[in-house]
Amino acid sequence: MDLPHRPHPLLMLVAKDDDVAPADIALDGFNRAREPKKLVLTDGDHFLSYIQQFELSCTVAIDWFDTHLRTAEKNDSRPDQEARFAASSLGTDTRVPPIRSLT
């Protein structure tokens, strides 16, 4: 069965001087990705994005997830998802129960 292509939103926060995940490799991956995608370049190394630029990183991530997760949830047409979306609109708890350990 062929499934329809669904976009996979991609947000990349890339530090220009990253020595853990080199920026040139990240940018190559970004250029190959399909839309929707967003690139945010930050100054500094890998960890400065989380420390010195924490507010920027958080704001960008929250906005991205808010936009794309809400859109995905509203557009999910699986029967079980329609019920979950309706329940979440009413403020009902829709969390998935924890998975039981097999050991």
N, C-alpha and C. Protein backbone atom coordinates (compact mmCIF):
# COMPACT_ATOMS: atom_id res chain seq x y z
N MET A 1 0.85 -1.18 0.00
CA MET A 1 0.00 0.00 0.00
C MET A 1 0.89 1.24 0.00
N ASP A 2 0.64 2.15 -0.93
CA ASP A 2 1.39 3.40 -0.97
C ASP A 2 0.76 4.41 -0.03
N LEU A 3 1.58 4.97 0.82
CA LEU A 3 1.10 6.01 1.73
C LEU A 3 1.37 7.37 1.11
N PRO A 4 0.49 8.33 1.34
CA PRO A 4 0.72 9.66 0.78
C PRO A 4 1.93 10.30 1.47
N HIS A 5 2.65 11.11 0.71
CA HIS A 5 3.79 11.83 1.29
C HIS A 5 3.27 12.88 2.26
N ARG A 6 3.79 12.85 3.46
CA ARG A 6 3.45 13.88 4.44
C ARG A 6 4.73 14.62 4.75
N PRO A 7 4.66 15.93 4.74
CA PRO A 7 5.89 16.68 5.03
C PRO A 7 6.35 16.44 6.47
N HIS A 8 7.64 16.46 6.65
CA HIS A 8 8.25 16.31 7.97
C HIS A 8 8.98 17.62 8.27
N PRO A 9 8.34 18.51 9.01
CA PRO A 9 8.95 19.81 9.28
C PRO A 9 10.32 19.65 9.94
N LEU A 10 11.26 20.46 9.49
CA LEU A 10 12.63 20.40 9.98
C LEU A 10 13.07 21.78 10.46
N LEU A 11 13.45 21.85 11.71
CA LEU A 11 14.04 23.07 12.28
C LEU A 11 15.48 22.73 12.63
N MET A 12 16.41 23.53 12.14
CA MET A 12 17.81 23.33 12.48
C MET A 12 18.37 24.60 13.09
N LEU A 13 18.88 24.48 14.30
CA LEU A 13 19.63 25.54 14.96
C LEU A 13 21.09 25.15 14.82
N VAL A 14 21.83 25.89 14.05
CA VAL A 14 23.21 25.53 13.72
C VAL A 14 24.15 26.61 14.23
N ALA A 15 25.12 26.18 15.05
CA ALA A 15 26.15 27.10 15.53
C ALA A 15 27.24 27.20 14.47
N LYS A 16 27.61 28.43 14.14
CA LYS A 16 28.58 28.64 13.06
C LYS A 16 29.93 28.00 13.35
N ASP A 17 30.34 27.98 14.61
CA ASP A 17 31.64 27.42 14.98
C ASP A 17 31.50 26.11 15.74
N ASP A 18 30.50 25.33 15.39
CA ASP A 18 30.22 24.08 16.09
C ASP A 18 31.35 23.07 15.87
N ASP A 19 31.92 22.57 16.96
CA ASP A 19 32.98 21.58 16.85
C ASP A 19 32.47 20.17 17.19
N VAL A 20 31.18 20.05 17.50
CA VAL A 20 30.56 18.75 17.77
C VAL A 20 29.82 18.26 16.53
N ALA A 21 29.00 19.12 15.98
CA ALA A 21 28.25 18.82 14.74
C ALA A 21 28.61 19.93 13.75
N PRO A 22 29.66 19.71 12.95
CA PRO A 22 30.17 20.77 12.07
C PRO A 22 29.08 21.42 11.21
N ALA A 23 29.14 22.74 11.15
CA ALA A 23 28.12 23.51 10.45
C ALA A 23 28.02 23.14 8.98
N ASP A 24 29.13 22.85 8.33
CA ASP A 24 29.06 22.53 6.90
C ASP A 24 28.27 21.24 6.65
N ILE A 25 28.39 20.28 7.54
CA ILE A 25 27.62 19.04 7.40
C ILE A 25 26.14 19.31 7.67
N ALA A 26 25.86 20.12 8.70
CA ALA A 26 24.47 20.47 9.01
C ALA A 26 23.82 21.24 7.86
N LEU A 27 24.56 22.18 7.29
CA LEU A 27 24.02 22.97 6.18
C LEU A 27 23.77 22.12 4.95
N ASP A 28 24.63 21.14 4.71
CA ASP A 28 24.42 20.23 3.59
C ASP A 28 23.12 19.44 3.79
N GLY A 29 22.92 18.95 5.00
CA GLY A 29 21.69 18.23 5.30
C GLY A 29 20.47 19.12 5.15
N PHE A 30 20.58 20.36 5.61
CA PHE A 30 19.46 21.30 5.49
C PHE A 30 19.13 21.55 4.02
N ASN A 31 20.16 21.75 3.20
CA ASN A 31 19.93 22.02 1.78
C ASN A 31 19.28 20.85 1.06
N ARG A 32 19.48 19.63 1.55
CA ARG A 32 18.89 18.45 0.93
C ARG A 32 17.45 18.19 1.40
N ALA A 33 17.08 18.77 2.52
CA ALA A 33 15.76 18.50 3.11
C ALA A 33 14.65 19.19 2.32
N ARG A 34 13.49 18.58 2.38
CA ARG A 34 12.29 19.17 1.75
C ARG A 34 11.66 20.19 2.69
N GLU A 35 10.81 21.00 2.13
CA GLU A 35 10.02 21.95 2.92
C GLU A 35 8.93 21.18 3.66
N PRO A 36 8.44 21.69 4.74
CA PRO A 36 8.81 22.95 5.39
C PRO A 36 10.09 22.77 6.21
N LYS A 37 10.93 23.77 6.13
CA LYS A 37 12.18 23.74 6.87
C LYS A 37 12.57 25.16 7.26
N LYS A 38 13.34 25.25 8.33
CA LYS A 38 13.81 26.55 8.79
C LYS A 38 15.21 26.37 9.35
N LEU A 39 16.09 27.32 9.01
CA LEU A 39 17.46 27.31 9.48
C LEU A 39 17.71 28.57 10.31
N VAL A 40 18.28 28.37 11.48
CA VAL A 40 18.69 29.49 12.32
C VAL A 40 20.17 29.30 12.62
N LEU A 41 20.99 30.23 12.14
CA LEU A 41 22.42 30.20 12.41
C LEU A 41 22.70 31.03 13.65
N THR A 42 23.49 30.46 14.56
CA THR A 42 23.85 31.18 15.77
C THR A 42 25.36 31.34 15.83
N ASP A 43 25.80 32.36 16.54
CA ASP A 43 27.23 32.58 16.75
C ASP A 43 27.72 31.61 17.82
N GLY A 44 28.99 31.30 17.75
CA GLY A 44 29.60 30.49 18.79
C GLY A 44 29.66 29.02 18.46
N ASP A 45 29.97 28.23 19.51
CA ASP A 45 30.12 26.79 19.32
C ASP A 45 28.84 26.04 19.68
N HIS A 46 28.92 24.75 19.70
CA HIS A 46 27.77 23.88 19.90
C HIS A 46 26.98 24.21 21.17
N PHE A 47 27.66 24.44 22.26
CA PHE A 47 26.99 24.61 23.54
C PHE A 47 26.52 26.04 23.81
N LEU A 48 27.09 27.03 23.14
CA LEU A 48 26.67 28.41 23.38
C LEU A 48 25.22 28.65 22.97
N SER A 49 24.73 27.88 22.00
CA SER A 49 23.33 28.02 21.59
C SER A 49 22.40 27.71 22.74
N TYR A 50 22.84 26.83 23.63
CA TYR A 50 22.00 26.42 24.77
C TYR A 50 22.27 27.26 26.01
N ILE A 51 23.37 27.99 26.03
CA ILE A 51 23.72 28.77 27.21
C ILE A 51 23.54 30.25 26.95
N GLN A 52 24.41 30.83 26.13
CA GLN A 52 24.37 32.27 25.90
C GLN A 52 23.21 32.69 25.01
N GLN A 53 22.74 31.81 24.16
CA GLN A 53 21.64 32.15 23.26
C GLN A 53 20.41 31.32 23.57
N PHE A 54 20.25 31.01 24.84
CA PHE A 54 19.15 30.15 25.30
C PHE A 54 17.79 30.74 24.94
N GLU A 55 17.60 32.02 25.17
CA GLU A 55 16.30 32.64 24.90
C GLU A 55 15.95 32.56 23.41
N LEU A 56 16.92 32.85 22.55
CA LEU A 56 16.69 32.76 21.11
C LEU A 56 16.36 31.32 20.71
N SER A 57 17.17 30.37 21.17
CA SER A 57 16.94 28.96 20.83
C SER A 57 15.57 28.48 21.27
N CYS A 58 15.19 28.84 22.49
CA CYS A 58 13.88 28.42 23.01
C CYS A 58 12.74 29.06 22.24
N THR A 59 12.84 30.33 21.98
CA THR A 59 11.78 31.05 21.27
C THR A 59 11.57 30.46 19.87
N VAL A 60 12.66 30.23 19.16
CA VAL A 60 12.57 29.67 17.82
C VAL A 60 11.94 28.27 17.87
N ALA A 61 12.40 27.44 18.80
CA ALA A 61 11.88 26.07 18.91
C ALA A 61 10.40 26.06 19.29
N ILE A 62 10.02 26.85 20.27
CA ILE A 62 8.63 26.89 20.71
C ILE A 62 7.72 27.34 19.57
N ASP A 63 8.11 28.39 18.87
CA ASP A 63 7.30 28.87 17.74
C ASP A 63 7.16 27.81 16.66
N TRP A 64 8.26 27.13 16.35
CA TRP A 64 8.25 26.10 15.31
C TRP A 64 7.35 24.93 15.70
N PHE A 65 7.55 24.42 16.92
CA PHE A 65 6.74 23.29 17.36
C PHE A 65 5.27 23.67 17.50
N ASP A 66 5.02 24.85 17.99
CA ASP A 66 3.63 25.30 18.13
C ASP A 66 2.95 25.32 16.77
N THR A 67 3.62 25.85 15.79
CA THR A 67 3.05 25.92 14.44
C THR A 67 2.87 24.53 13.83
N HIS A 68 3.91 23.73 13.84
CA HIS A 68 3.88 22.48 13.09
C HIS A 68 3.23 21.32 13.83
N LEU A 69 3.31 21.27 15.12
CA LEU A 69 2.63 20.20 15.84
C LEU A 69 1.13 20.42 15.87
N ARG A 70 0.70 21.66 16.03
CA ARG A 70 -0.75 21.93 16.01
C ARG A 70 -1.33 21.64 14.62
N THR A 71 -0.61 22.03 13.58
CA THR A 71 -1.07 21.78 12.22
C THR A 71 -1.15 20.28 11.96
N ALA A 72 -0.13 19.54 12.39
CA ALA A 72 -0.12 18.09 12.18
C ALA A 72 -1.28 17.43 12.92
N GLU A 73 -1.52 17.86 14.14
CA GLU A 73 -2.60 17.26 14.92
C GLU A 73 -3.95 17.53 14.28
N LYS A 74 -4.16 18.75 13.80
CA LYS A 74 -5.44 19.10 13.17
C LYS A 74 -5.64 18.36 11.84
N ASN A 75 -4.54 18.07 11.13
CA ASN A 75 -4.64 17.44 9.81
C ASN A 75 -4.57 15.92 9.85
N ASP A 76 -4.38 15.35 11.02
CA ASP A 76 -4.28 13.89 11.13
C ASP A 76 -5.67 13.30 10.98
N SER A 77 -5.89 12.51 9.93
CA SER A 77 -7.22 12.01 9.64
C SER A 77 -7.45 10.57 10.10
N ARG A 78 -6.50 9.98 10.84
CA ARG A 78 -6.72 8.63 11.34
C ARG A 78 -7.86 8.65 12.36
N PRO A 79 -8.74 7.66 12.35
CA PRO A 79 -9.90 7.66 13.26
C PRO A 79 -9.51 7.83 14.73
N ASP A 80 -8.45 7.15 15.18
CA ASP A 80 -8.06 7.28 16.58
C ASP A 80 -7.57 8.69 16.88
N GLN A 81 -6.97 9.35 15.89
CA GLN A 81 -6.46 10.70 16.09
C GLN A 81 -7.60 11.72 16.12
N GLU A 82 -8.65 11.47 15.35
CA GLU A 82 -9.80 12.38 15.37
C GLU A 82 -10.41 12.42 16.77
N ALA A 83 -10.51 11.27 17.39
CA ALA A 83 -11.06 11.22 18.75
C ALA A 83 -10.14 11.92 19.73
N ARG A 84 -8.83 11.72 19.59
CA ARG A 84 -7.87 12.38 20.49
C ARG A 84 -7.93 13.89 20.32
N PHE A 85 -8.02 14.37 19.06
CA PHE A 85 -8.07 15.81 18.83
C PHE A 85 -9.34 16.39 19.43
N ALA A 86 -10.46 15.70 19.25
CA ALA A 86 -11.72 16.18 19.82
C ALA A 86 -11.62 16.23 21.34
N ALA A 87 -11.03 15.22 21.93
CA ALA A 87 -10.88 15.18 23.38
C ALA A 87 -9.96 16.28 23.86
N SER A 88 -8.86 16.53 23.13
CA SER A 88 -7.93 17.57 23.56
C SER A 88 -8.56 18.95 23.45
N SER A 89 -9.48 19.14 22.50
CA SER A 89 -10.18 20.42 22.37
C SER A 89 -11.06 20.68 23.58
N LEU A 90 -11.51 19.61 24.22
CA LEU A 90 -12.39 19.74 25.38
C LEU A 90 -11.61 19.77 26.68
N GLY A 91 -10.28 19.71 26.58
CA GLY A 91 -9.46 19.74 27.78
C GLY A 91 -9.30 18.38 28.43
N THR A 92 -9.69 17.32 27.73
CA THR A 92 -9.55 15.97 28.26
C THR A 92 -8.10 15.52 28.14
N ASP A 93 -7.62 14.77 29.12
CA ASP A 93 -6.26 14.25 29.10
C ASP A 93 -6.13 13.22 27.99
N THR A 94 -5.25 13.47 27.00
CA THR A 94 -5.09 12.56 25.87
C THR A 94 -3.72 11.92 25.84
N ARG A 95 -3.01 11.93 26.95
CA ARG A 95 -1.69 11.31 26.98
C ARG A 95 -1.79 9.80 26.80
N VAL A 96 -0.78 9.25 26.17
CA VAL A 96 -0.72 7.82 25.97
C VAL A 96 -0.27 7.19 27.28
N PRO A 97 -0.93 6.10 27.71
CA PRO A 97 -0.51 5.47 28.96
C PRO A 97 0.91 4.93 28.85
N PRO A 98 1.63 4.80 29.96
CA PRO A 98 3.00 4.31 29.89
C PRO A 98 3.05 2.87 29.39
N ILE A 99 4.14 2.54 28.72
CA ILE A 99 4.35 1.20 28.20
C ILE A 99 4.82 0.31 29.35
N ARG A 100 4.22 -0.86 29.46
CA ARG A 100 4.61 -1.78 30.51
C ARG A 100 5.90 -2.49 30.12
N SER A 101 6.72 -2.74 31.06
CA SER A 101 7.97 -3.46 30.84
C SER A 101 7.66 -4.94 30.64
N LEU A 102 8.37 -5.58 29.74
CA LEU A 102 8.18 -7.00 29.50
C LEU A 102 9.08 -7.84 30.39
N THR A 103 9.95 -7.18 31.14
CA THR A 103 10.85 -7.94 32.02
C THR A 103 10.36 -7.90 33.45
